[in-house]
Amino acid sequence: METIGPETGDPLRTGLSVAGQRRRLALSGVRGHVAKGRDFTRQALQDWGWDGNATAEDALLLVSELLTNASLHAGGCVELALTAGEVLRIEVFDGTTTPPRRHPSPQRSLPGGHGLYIVERLSDRWGTVTHENGKAVWAEIESSRLTSGRSTGR
């Protein structure tokens, strides 16, 4: 949360914790959902003070990969949710309960089949949760990586 300074108009941090803040973006039937999801995530990271470092760029790539995978392999994206706390949790909801599968042997020189390897490499952990209307594929990044700016990968 920000407050605008009375003299300069510059934002002043109010010191409120971002822990527990959750943002959701409906994506069902939305064209350009990957770009919209990245913009939405970029704004959240900026608002939470977690932008401007390599790990924030990793988070944007994770969003792109999860949204693309939902679009290509799960019939489309329903929603993107971001939760701030000890970790940044990125969740992409789709309408199928079929779990994601890594391509058994993606070819380095060819596109496709690399998405879940990228998710695994950039996140601290990832997984899926099924529910009555489909599933959420989620990835987490420790908040300490977002505040320190280091991108270690896994």
N, C-alpha and C. Protein backbone atom coordinates (compact mmCIF):
# COMPACT_ATOMS: atom_id res chain seq x y z
N MET A 1 0.84 -1.17 0.00
CA MET A 1 0.00 0.00 0.00
C MET A 1 0.88 1.23 0.00
N GLU A 2 0.47 2.26 -0.72
CA GLU A 2 1.25 3.48 -0.80
C GLU A 2 0.38 4.67 -0.42
N THR A 3 1.04 5.68 0.10
CA THR A 3 0.41 6.97 0.36
C THR A 3 1.22 8.00 -0.39
N ILE A 4 0.57 8.94 -1.04
CA ILE A 4 1.27 9.97 -1.80
C ILE A 4 1.70 11.08 -0.84
N GLY A 5 2.97 11.47 -0.94
CA GLY A 5 3.51 12.53 -0.10
C GLY A 5 2.87 13.87 -0.43
N PRO A 6 2.51 14.68 0.57
CA PRO A 6 1.79 15.92 0.33
C PRO A 6 2.61 16.97 -0.42
N GLU A 7 3.91 17.03 -0.20
CA GLU A 7 4.70 18.08 -0.84
C GLU A 7 5.15 17.70 -2.25
N THR A 8 5.58 16.46 -2.41
CA THR A 8 6.21 16.08 -3.67
C THR A 8 5.33 15.26 -4.58
N GLY A 9 4.31 14.63 -4.04
CA GLY A 9 3.49 13.72 -4.83
C GLY A 9 4.14 12.36 -5.00
N ASP A 10 5.33 12.19 -4.40
CA ASP A 10 6.02 10.90 -4.48
C ASP A 10 5.34 9.89 -3.57
N PRO A 11 5.34 8.61 -3.98
CA PRO A 11 4.76 7.58 -3.11
C PRO A 11 5.59 7.39 -1.86
N LEU A 12 4.92 7.23 -0.74
CA LEU A 12 5.56 6.91 0.53
C LEU A 12 5.08 5.54 0.95
N ARG A 13 5.99 4.67 1.32
CA ARG A 13 5.59 3.34 1.79
C ARG A 13 4.94 3.49 3.16
N THR A 14 3.84 2.79 3.36
CA THR A 14 3.16 2.87 4.65
C THR A 14 3.68 1.84 5.63
N GLY A 15 4.53 0.92 5.14
CA GLY A 15 5.11 -0.07 6.04
C GLY A 15 4.22 -1.27 6.30
N LEU A 16 3.08 -1.36 5.64
CA LEU A 16 2.21 -2.50 5.82
C LEU A 16 2.82 -3.73 5.16
N SER A 17 2.70 -4.86 5.79
CA SER A 17 3.22 -6.10 5.27
C SER A 17 2.39 -6.55 4.07
N VAL A 18 3.07 -7.17 3.12
CA VAL A 18 2.35 -7.73 1.98
C VAL A 18 1.84 -9.14 2.28
N ALA A 19 2.27 -9.70 3.41
CA ALA A 19 1.91 -11.07 3.75
C ALA A 19 0.40 -11.26 3.74
N GLY A 20 -0.02 -12.30 3.06
CA GLY A 20 -1.44 -12.63 3.01
C GLY A 20 -2.22 -11.92 1.92
N GLN A 21 -1.60 -10.98 1.21
CA GLN A 21 -2.31 -10.32 0.12
C GLN A 21 -2.48 -11.29 -1.04
N ARG A 22 -3.65 -11.28 -1.63
CA ARG A 22 -3.96 -12.19 -2.74
C ARG A 22 -4.62 -11.38 -3.85
N ARG A 23 -4.16 -11.60 -5.05
CA ARG A 23 -4.75 -10.94 -6.22
C ARG A 23 -5.16 -12.00 -7.22
N ARG A 24 -6.31 -11.77 -7.85
CA ARG A 24 -6.85 -12.74 -8.79
C ARG A 24 -7.21 -12.04 -10.09
N LEU A 25 -6.97 -12.73 -11.20
CA LEU A 25 -7.29 -12.21 -12.52
C LEU A 25 -8.07 -13.28 -13.27
N ALA A 26 -9.32 -12.97 -13.63
CA ALA A 26 -10.14 -13.89 -14.41
C ALA A 26 -9.63 -13.91 -15.85
N LEU A 27 -9.45 -15.10 -16.40
CA LEU A 27 -8.89 -15.23 -17.74
C LEU A 27 -9.74 -16.07 -18.69
N SER A 28 -10.83 -16.59 -18.23
CA SER A 28 -11.68 -17.43 -19.07
C SER A 28 -12.16 -16.64 -20.28
N GLY A 29 -11.82 -17.13 -21.47
CA GLY A 29 -12.24 -16.48 -22.71
C GLY A 29 -11.51 -15.20 -23.05
N VAL A 30 -10.46 -14.86 -22.31
CA VAL A 30 -9.72 -13.62 -22.55
C VAL A 30 -8.67 -13.84 -23.63
N ARG A 31 -8.66 -12.97 -24.63
CA ARG A 31 -7.61 -13.03 -25.65
C ARG A 31 -6.35 -12.38 -25.11
N GLY A 32 -5.21 -12.89 -25.49
CA GLY A 32 -3.94 -12.32 -25.03
C GLY A 32 -3.70 -12.55 -23.55
N HIS A 33 -4.16 -13.70 -23.05
CA HIS A 33 -4.12 -13.97 -21.61
C HIS A 33 -2.70 -14.04 -21.05
N VAL A 34 -1.72 -14.49 -21.85
CA VAL A 34 -0.35 -14.57 -21.34
C VAL A 34 0.19 -13.16 -21.09
N ALA A 35 0.01 -12.26 -22.03
CA ALA A 35 0.47 -10.88 -21.85
C ALA A 35 -0.28 -10.20 -20.70
N LYS A 36 -1.58 -10.42 -20.63
CA LYS A 36 -2.36 -9.83 -19.53
C LYS A 36 -1.90 -10.37 -18.18
N GLY A 37 -1.63 -11.67 -18.12
CA GLY A 37 -1.15 -12.29 -16.88
C GLY A 37 0.21 -11.75 -16.47
N ARG A 38 1.10 -11.55 -17.44
CA ARG A 38 2.42 -10.98 -17.14
C ARG A 38 2.28 -9.54 -16.63
N ASP A 39 1.44 -8.74 -17.29
CA ASP A 39 1.25 -7.36 -16.85
C ASP A 39 0.66 -7.31 -15.45
N PHE A 40 -0.31 -8.16 -15.19
CA PHE A 40 -0.94 -8.25 -13.87
C PHE A 40 0.10 -8.62 -12.81
N THR A 41 0.94 -9.59 -13.12
CA THR A 41 1.98 -10.03 -12.19
C THR A 41 3.03 -8.95 -11.99
N ARG A 42 3.44 -8.30 -13.07
CA ARG A 42 4.42 -7.22 -12.97
C ARG A 42 3.93 -6.13 -12.04
N GLN A 43 2.65 -5.76 -12.17
CA GLN A 43 2.09 -4.73 -11.30
C GLN A 43 2.05 -5.17 -9.84
N ALA A 44 1.67 -6.42 -9.60
CA ALA A 44 1.64 -6.93 -8.22
C ALA A 44 3.04 -6.93 -7.62
N LEU A 45 4.02 -7.39 -8.37
CA LEU A 45 5.40 -7.40 -7.86
C LEU A 45 5.87 -5.99 -7.55
N GLN A 46 5.52 -5.06 -8.41
CA GLN A 46 5.90 -3.66 -8.17
C GLN A 46 5.21 -3.14 -6.90
N ASP A 47 3.93 -3.39 -6.77
CA ASP A 47 3.18 -2.93 -5.59
C ASP A 47 3.73 -3.53 -4.30
N TRP A 48 4.21 -4.76 -4.38
CA TRP A 48 4.72 -5.46 -3.20
C TRP A 48 6.20 -5.20 -2.95
N GLY A 49 6.84 -4.40 -3.81
CA GLY A 49 8.26 -4.10 -3.65
C GLY A 49 9.16 -5.26 -4.04
N TRP A 50 8.66 -6.13 -4.89
CA TRP A 50 9.41 -7.31 -5.31
C TRP A 50 9.80 -7.23 -6.78
N ASP A 51 10.01 -6.05 -7.30
CA ASP A 51 10.34 -5.91 -8.72
C ASP A 51 11.78 -5.42 -8.88
N GLY A 52 12.21 -5.36 -10.12
CA GLY A 52 13.51 -4.79 -10.43
C GLY A 52 14.69 -5.71 -10.15
N ASN A 53 14.47 -7.01 -10.12
CA ASN A 53 15.59 -7.92 -9.92
C ASN A 53 15.38 -9.16 -10.79
N ALA A 54 16.41 -9.98 -10.87
CA ALA A 54 16.36 -11.16 -11.74
C ALA A 54 15.28 -12.15 -11.31
N THR A 55 15.05 -12.27 -10.01
CA THR A 55 14.04 -13.23 -9.54
C THR A 55 12.64 -12.77 -9.93
N ALA A 56 12.39 -11.47 -9.97
CA ALA A 56 11.10 -10.97 -10.45
C ALA A 56 10.90 -11.35 -11.91
N GLU A 57 11.97 -11.28 -12.69
CA GLU A 57 11.89 -11.72 -14.09
C GLU A 57 11.60 -13.21 -14.16
N ASP A 58 12.19 -13.99 -13.25
CA ASP A 58 11.89 -15.42 -13.18
C ASP A 58 10.40 -15.64 -12.91
N ALA A 59 9.83 -14.84 -12.01
CA ALA A 59 8.40 -14.97 -11.68
C ALA A 59 7.55 -14.69 -12.91
N LEU A 60 7.92 -13.70 -13.70
CA LEU A 60 7.17 -13.40 -14.92
C LEU A 60 7.27 -14.54 -15.93
N LEU A 61 8.43 -15.15 -16.01
CA LEU A 61 8.59 -16.30 -16.91
C LEU A 61 7.76 -17.49 -16.42
N LEU A 62 7.72 -17.69 -15.10
CA LEU A 62 6.88 -18.76 -14.55
C LEU A 62 5.41 -18.54 -14.91
N VAL A 63 4.94 -17.31 -14.77
CA VAL A 63 3.55 -17.00 -15.14
C VAL A 63 3.32 -17.32 -16.61
N SER A 64 4.25 -16.90 -17.47
CA SER A 64 4.10 -17.18 -18.90
C SER A 64 4.03 -18.67 -19.18
N GLU A 65 4.91 -19.43 -18.56
CA GLU A 65 4.93 -20.88 -18.79
C GLU A 65 3.67 -21.56 -18.29
N LEU A 66 3.23 -21.20 -17.08
CA LEU A 66 2.02 -21.83 -16.53
C LEU A 66 0.78 -21.47 -17.34
N LEU A 67 0.67 -20.23 -17.77
CA LEU A 67 -0.49 -19.83 -18.59
C LEU A 67 -0.45 -20.49 -19.96
N THR A 68 0.72 -20.56 -20.55
CA THR A 68 0.86 -21.20 -21.86
C THR A 68 0.52 -22.69 -21.77
N ASN A 69 1.04 -23.35 -20.73
CA ASN A 69 0.74 -24.78 -20.57
C ASN A 69 -0.75 -25.02 -20.39
N ALA A 70 -1.42 -24.18 -19.60
CA ALA A 70 -2.87 -24.34 -19.42
C ALA A 70 -3.59 -24.15 -20.74
N SER A 71 -3.14 -23.22 -21.52
CA SER A 71 -3.77 -22.95 -22.81
C SER A 71 -3.56 -24.10 -23.80
N LEU A 72 -2.35 -24.61 -23.85
CA LEU A 72 -2.02 -25.65 -24.83
C LEU A 72 -2.49 -27.04 -24.43
N HIS A 73 -2.48 -27.34 -23.13
CA HIS A 73 -2.68 -28.72 -22.69
C HIS A 73 -3.88 -28.93 -21.77
N ALA A 74 -4.56 -27.87 -21.36
CA ALA A 74 -5.65 -28.05 -20.40
C ALA A 74 -6.92 -27.31 -20.80
N GLY A 75 -7.05 -27.00 -22.07
CA GLY A 75 -8.27 -26.39 -22.54
C GLY A 75 -8.43 -24.92 -22.23
N GLY A 76 -7.40 -24.27 -21.75
CA GLY A 76 -7.46 -22.83 -21.49
C GLY A 76 -7.36 -22.47 -20.02
N CYS A 77 -7.10 -21.22 -19.80
CA CYS A 77 -6.94 -20.68 -18.45
C CYS A 77 -8.27 -20.15 -17.94
N VAL A 78 -8.52 -20.39 -16.67
CA VAL A 78 -9.71 -19.84 -16.03
C VAL A 78 -9.33 -18.63 -15.19
N GLU A 79 -8.23 -18.75 -14.43
CA GLU A 79 -7.85 -17.69 -13.51
C GLU A 79 -6.37 -17.78 -13.17
N LEU A 80 -5.78 -16.61 -12.90
CA LEU A 80 -4.43 -16.50 -12.35
C LEU A 80 -4.57 -15.90 -10.97
N ALA A 81 -3.94 -16.51 -9.98
CA ALA A 81 -3.97 -15.98 -8.61
C ALA A 81 -2.54 -15.86 -8.10
N LEU A 82 -2.26 -14.74 -7.44
CA LEU A 82 -0.96 -14.48 -6.83
C LEU A 82 -1.17 -14.25 -5.35
N THR A 83 -0.37 -14.90 -4.52
CA THR A 83 -0.46 -14.72 -3.08
C THR A 83 0.92 -14.37 -2.55
N ALA A 84 0.99 -13.31 -1.74
CA ALA A 84 2.25 -12.86 -1.15
C ALA A 84 2.32 -13.32 0.30
N GLY A 85 3.50 -13.66 0.73
CA GLY A 85 3.74 -14.07 2.11
C GLY A 85 5.19 -14.43 2.25
N GLU A 86 5.47 -15.51 2.96
CA GLU A 86 6.85 -16.00 3.04
C GLU A 86 7.31 -16.46 1.65
N VAL A 87 6.34 -16.74 0.80
CA VAL A 87 6.59 -17.10 -0.59
C VAL A 87 5.66 -16.30 -1.49
N LEU A 88 6.05 -16.17 -2.74
CA LEU A 88 5.13 -15.73 -3.78
C LEU A 88 4.57 -17.00 -4.36
N ARG A 89 3.26 -17.17 -4.26
CA ARG A 89 2.60 -18.35 -4.82
C ARG A 89 1.85 -17.92 -6.07
N ILE A 90 2.16 -18.57 -7.18
CA ILE A 90 1.53 -18.32 -8.47
C ILE A 90 0.65 -19.53 -8.75
N GLU A 91 -0.64 -19.29 -9.00
CA GLU A 91 -1.55 -20.40 -9.30
C GLU A 91 -2.29 -20.10 -10.60
N VAL A 92 -2.33 -21.09 -11.47
CA VAL A 92 -3.09 -20.99 -12.71
C VAL A 92 -4.15 -22.08 -12.68
N PHE A 93 -5.40 -21.64 -12.75
CA PHE A 93 -6.54 -22.55 -12.70
C PHE A 93 -7.01 -22.84 -14.12
N ASP A 94 -7.33 -24.11 -14.37
CA ASP A 94 -7.90 -24.50 -15.65
C ASP A 94 -9.08 -25.43 -15.41
N GLY A 95 -9.70 -25.89 -16.48
CA GLY A 95 -10.93 -26.66 -16.34
C GLY A 95 -10.79 -28.16 -16.48
N THR A 96 -9.59 -28.70 -16.35
CA THR A 96 -9.41 -30.14 -16.46
C THR A 96 -8.66 -30.67 -15.23
N THR A 97 -8.97 -31.90 -14.85
CA THR A 97 -8.29 -32.50 -13.69
C THR A 97 -7.06 -33.30 -14.11
N THR A 98 -6.78 -33.37 -15.39
CA THR A 98 -5.62 -34.11 -15.88
C THR A 98 -4.34 -33.42 -15.40
N PRO A 99 -3.49 -34.14 -14.70
CA PRO A 99 -2.26 -33.51 -14.19
C PRO A 99 -1.27 -33.22 -15.32
N PRO A 100 -0.47 -32.18 -15.13
CA PRO A 100 0.55 -31.89 -16.16
C PRO A 100 1.62 -32.97 -16.16
N ARG A 101 2.18 -33.21 -17.33
CA ARG A 101 3.25 -34.20 -17.46
C ARG A 101 4.43 -33.55 -18.17
N ARG A 102 5.61 -33.83 -17.65
CA ARG A 102 6.81 -33.36 -18.33
C ARG A 102 7.02 -34.19 -19.59
N HIS A 103 7.46 -33.53 -20.63
CA HIS A 103 7.82 -34.23 -21.87
C HIS A 103 9.00 -35.15 -21.53
N PRO A 104 8.94 -36.42 -21.95
CA PRO A 104 9.99 -37.35 -21.55
C PRO A 104 11.38 -36.99 -22.06
N SER A 105 11.47 -36.41 -23.23
CA SER A 105 12.80 -36.06 -23.77
C SER A 105 12.70 -34.89 -24.74
N PRO A 106 12.54 -33.68 -24.20
CA PRO A 106 12.46 -32.53 -25.11
C PRO A 106 13.79 -32.33 -25.84
N GLN A 107 13.70 -31.88 -27.06
CA GLN A 107 14.87 -31.65 -27.90
C GLN A 107 15.38 -30.23 -27.69
N ARG A 108 16.64 -30.09 -27.38
CA ARG A 108 17.21 -28.76 -27.12
C ARG A 108 17.00 -27.80 -28.27
N SER A 109 17.12 -28.26 -29.48
CA SER A 109 17.06 -27.37 -30.64
C SER A 109 15.65 -27.11 -31.15
N LEU A 110 14.65 -27.77 -30.56
CA LEU A 110 13.27 -27.61 -31.03
C LEU A 110 12.39 -27.00 -29.96
N PRO A 111 11.44 -26.14 -30.37
CA PRO A 111 10.51 -25.59 -29.37
C PRO A 111 9.54 -26.66 -28.88
N GLY A 112 9.00 -26.43 -27.71
CA GLY A 112 8.00 -27.33 -27.14
C GLY A 112 8.61 -28.37 -26.22
N GLY A 113 7.85 -28.72 -25.19
CA GLY A 113 8.26 -29.76 -24.28
C GLY A 113 9.16 -29.31 -23.14
N HIS A 114 9.47 -28.02 -23.08
CA HIS A 114 10.40 -27.52 -22.07
C HIS A 114 9.71 -26.83 -20.89
N GLY A 115 8.41 -26.56 -20.99
CA GLY A 115 7.70 -25.73 -20.02
C GLY A 115 7.84 -26.16 -18.58
N LEU A 116 7.55 -27.42 -18.27
CA LEU A 116 7.60 -27.86 -16.88
C LEU A 116 9.03 -27.96 -16.36
N TYR A 117 9.99 -28.18 -17.26
CA TYR A 117 11.40 -28.14 -16.83
C TYR A 117 11.77 -26.72 -16.40
N ILE A 118 11.27 -25.73 -17.14
CA ILE A 118 11.51 -24.33 -16.78
C ILE A 118 10.86 -24.02 -15.44
N VAL A 119 9.61 -24.45 -15.26
CA VAL A 119 8.90 -24.22 -14.00
C VAL A 119 9.68 -24.85 -12.85
N GLU A 120 10.14 -26.07 -13.04
CA GLU A 120 10.89 -26.77 -12.00
C GLU A 120 12.20 -26.05 -11.68
N ARG A 121 12.86 -25.55 -12.69
CA ARG A 121 14.16 -24.89 -12.50
C ARG A 121 14.04 -23.53 -11.81
N LEU A 122 13.02 -22.74 -12.16
CA LEU A 122 12.92 -21.37 -11.64
C LEU A 122 12.20 -21.26 -10.30
N SER A 123 11.34 -22.23 -9.99
CA SER A 123 10.58 -22.15 -8.74
C SER A 123 11.31 -22.89 -7.63
N ASP A 124 10.93 -22.58 -6.40
CA ASP A 124 11.46 -23.32 -5.26
C ASP A 124 10.70 -24.63 -5.08
N ARG A 125 9.45 -24.64 -5.49
CA ARG A 125 8.64 -25.85 -5.51
C ARG A 125 7.41 -25.57 -6.37
N TRP A 126 6.82 -26.64 -6.87
CA TRP A 126 5.61 -26.52 -7.69
C TRP A 126 4.81 -27.79 -7.56
N GLY A 127 3.55 -27.71 -7.98
CA GLY A 127 2.69 -28.89 -7.92
C GLY A 127 1.31 -28.57 -8.47
N THR A 128 0.38 -29.47 -8.19
CA THR A 128 -1.00 -29.29 -8.65
C THR A 128 -1.96 -29.61 -7.51
N VAL A 129 -3.10 -28.99 -7.58
CA VAL A 129 -4.20 -29.26 -6.66
C VAL A 129 -5.45 -29.41 -7.51
N THR A 130 -6.15 -30.54 -7.38
CA THR A 130 -7.40 -30.70 -8.13
C THR A 130 -8.57 -30.25 -7.26
N HIS A 131 -9.61 -29.80 -7.93
CA HIS A 131 -10.86 -29.41 -7.28
C HIS A 131 -12.00 -29.84 -8.18
N GLU A 132 -13.20 -29.61 -7.77
CA GLU A 132 -14.35 -30.15 -8.50
C GLU A 132 -14.49 -29.61 -9.92
N ASN A 133 -13.96 -28.42 -10.20
CA ASN A 133 -14.10 -27.85 -11.54
C ASN A 133 -12.82 -27.89 -12.37
N GLY A 134 -11.80 -28.57 -11.88
CA GLY A 134 -10.54 -28.64 -12.63
C GLY A 134 -9.35 -28.75 -11.69
N LYS A 135 -8.33 -27.96 -11.98
CA LYS A 135 -7.13 -28.01 -11.15
C LYS A 135 -6.45 -26.65 -11.15
N ALA A 136 -5.52 -26.51 -10.23
CA ALA A 136 -4.61 -25.37 -10.21
C ALA A 136 -3.20 -25.93 -10.27
N VAL A 137 -2.40 -25.41 -11.16
CA VAL A 137 -0.98 -25.70 -11.18
C VAL A 137 -0.31 -24.50 -10.53
N TRP A 138 0.51 -24.77 -9.52
CA TRP A 138 1.09 -23.68 -8.74
C TRP A 138 2.61 -23.79 -8.72
N ALA A 139 3.23 -22.64 -8.50
CA ALA A 139 4.68 -22.57 -8.31
C ALA A 139 4.94 -21.54 -7.23
N GLU A 140 5.98 -21.77 -6.43
CA GLU A 140 6.32 -20.85 -5.35
C GLU A 140 7.77 -20.41 -5.46
N ILE A 141 7.99 -19.14 -5.12
CA ILE A 141 9.33 -18.56 -5.01
C ILE A 141 9.43 -17.97 -3.62
N GLU A 142 10.48 -18.32 -2.89
CA GLU A 142 10.70 -17.77 -1.55
C GLU A 142 10.81 -16.25 -1.65
N SER A 143 10.11 -15.54 -0.77
CA SER A 143 10.12 -14.08 -0.81
C SER A 143 11.52 -13.51 -0.58
N SER A 144 12.36 -14.23 0.14
CA SER A 144 13.73 -13.75 0.36
C SER A 144 14.49 -13.62 -0.95
N ARG A 145 14.19 -14.46 -1.91
CA ARG A 145 14.82 -14.35 -3.24
C ARG A 145 14.34 -13.12 -3.97
N LEU A 146 13.08 -12.72 -3.75
CA LEU A 146 12.53 -11.54 -4.43
C LEU A 146 13.05 -10.25 -3.81
N THR A 147 13.32 -10.26 -2.51
CA THR A 147 13.82 -9.04 -1.87
C THR A 147 15.32 -8.89 -2.02
N SER A 148 16.04 -10.00 -2.12
CA SER A 148 17.49 -9.91 -2.26
C SER A 148 17.92 -9.73 -3.71
N GLY A 149 17.04 -10.14 -4.63
CA GLY A 149 17.35 -9.96 -6.05
C GLY A 149 18.21 -11.05 -6.63
N ARG A 150 18.56 -12.07 -5.86
CA ARG A 150 19.37 -13.13 -6.45
C ARG A 150 18.47 -14.15 -7.13
N SER A 151 18.94 -14.65 -8.22
CA SER A 151 18.23 -15.69 -8.98
C SER A 151 19.11 -16.92 -9.04
N THR A 152 18.85 -17.86 -8.17
CA THR A 152 19.71 -19.02 -8.08
C THR A 152 19.23 -20.17 -8.94
N GLY A 153 17.95 -20.20 -9.27
CA GLY A 153 17.39 -21.34 -9.98
C GLY A 153 17.46 -22.58 -9.12
N ARG A 154 17.02 -23.69 -9.63
CA ARG A 154 17.05 -24.94 -8.85
C ARG A 154 17.83 -25.98 -9.57
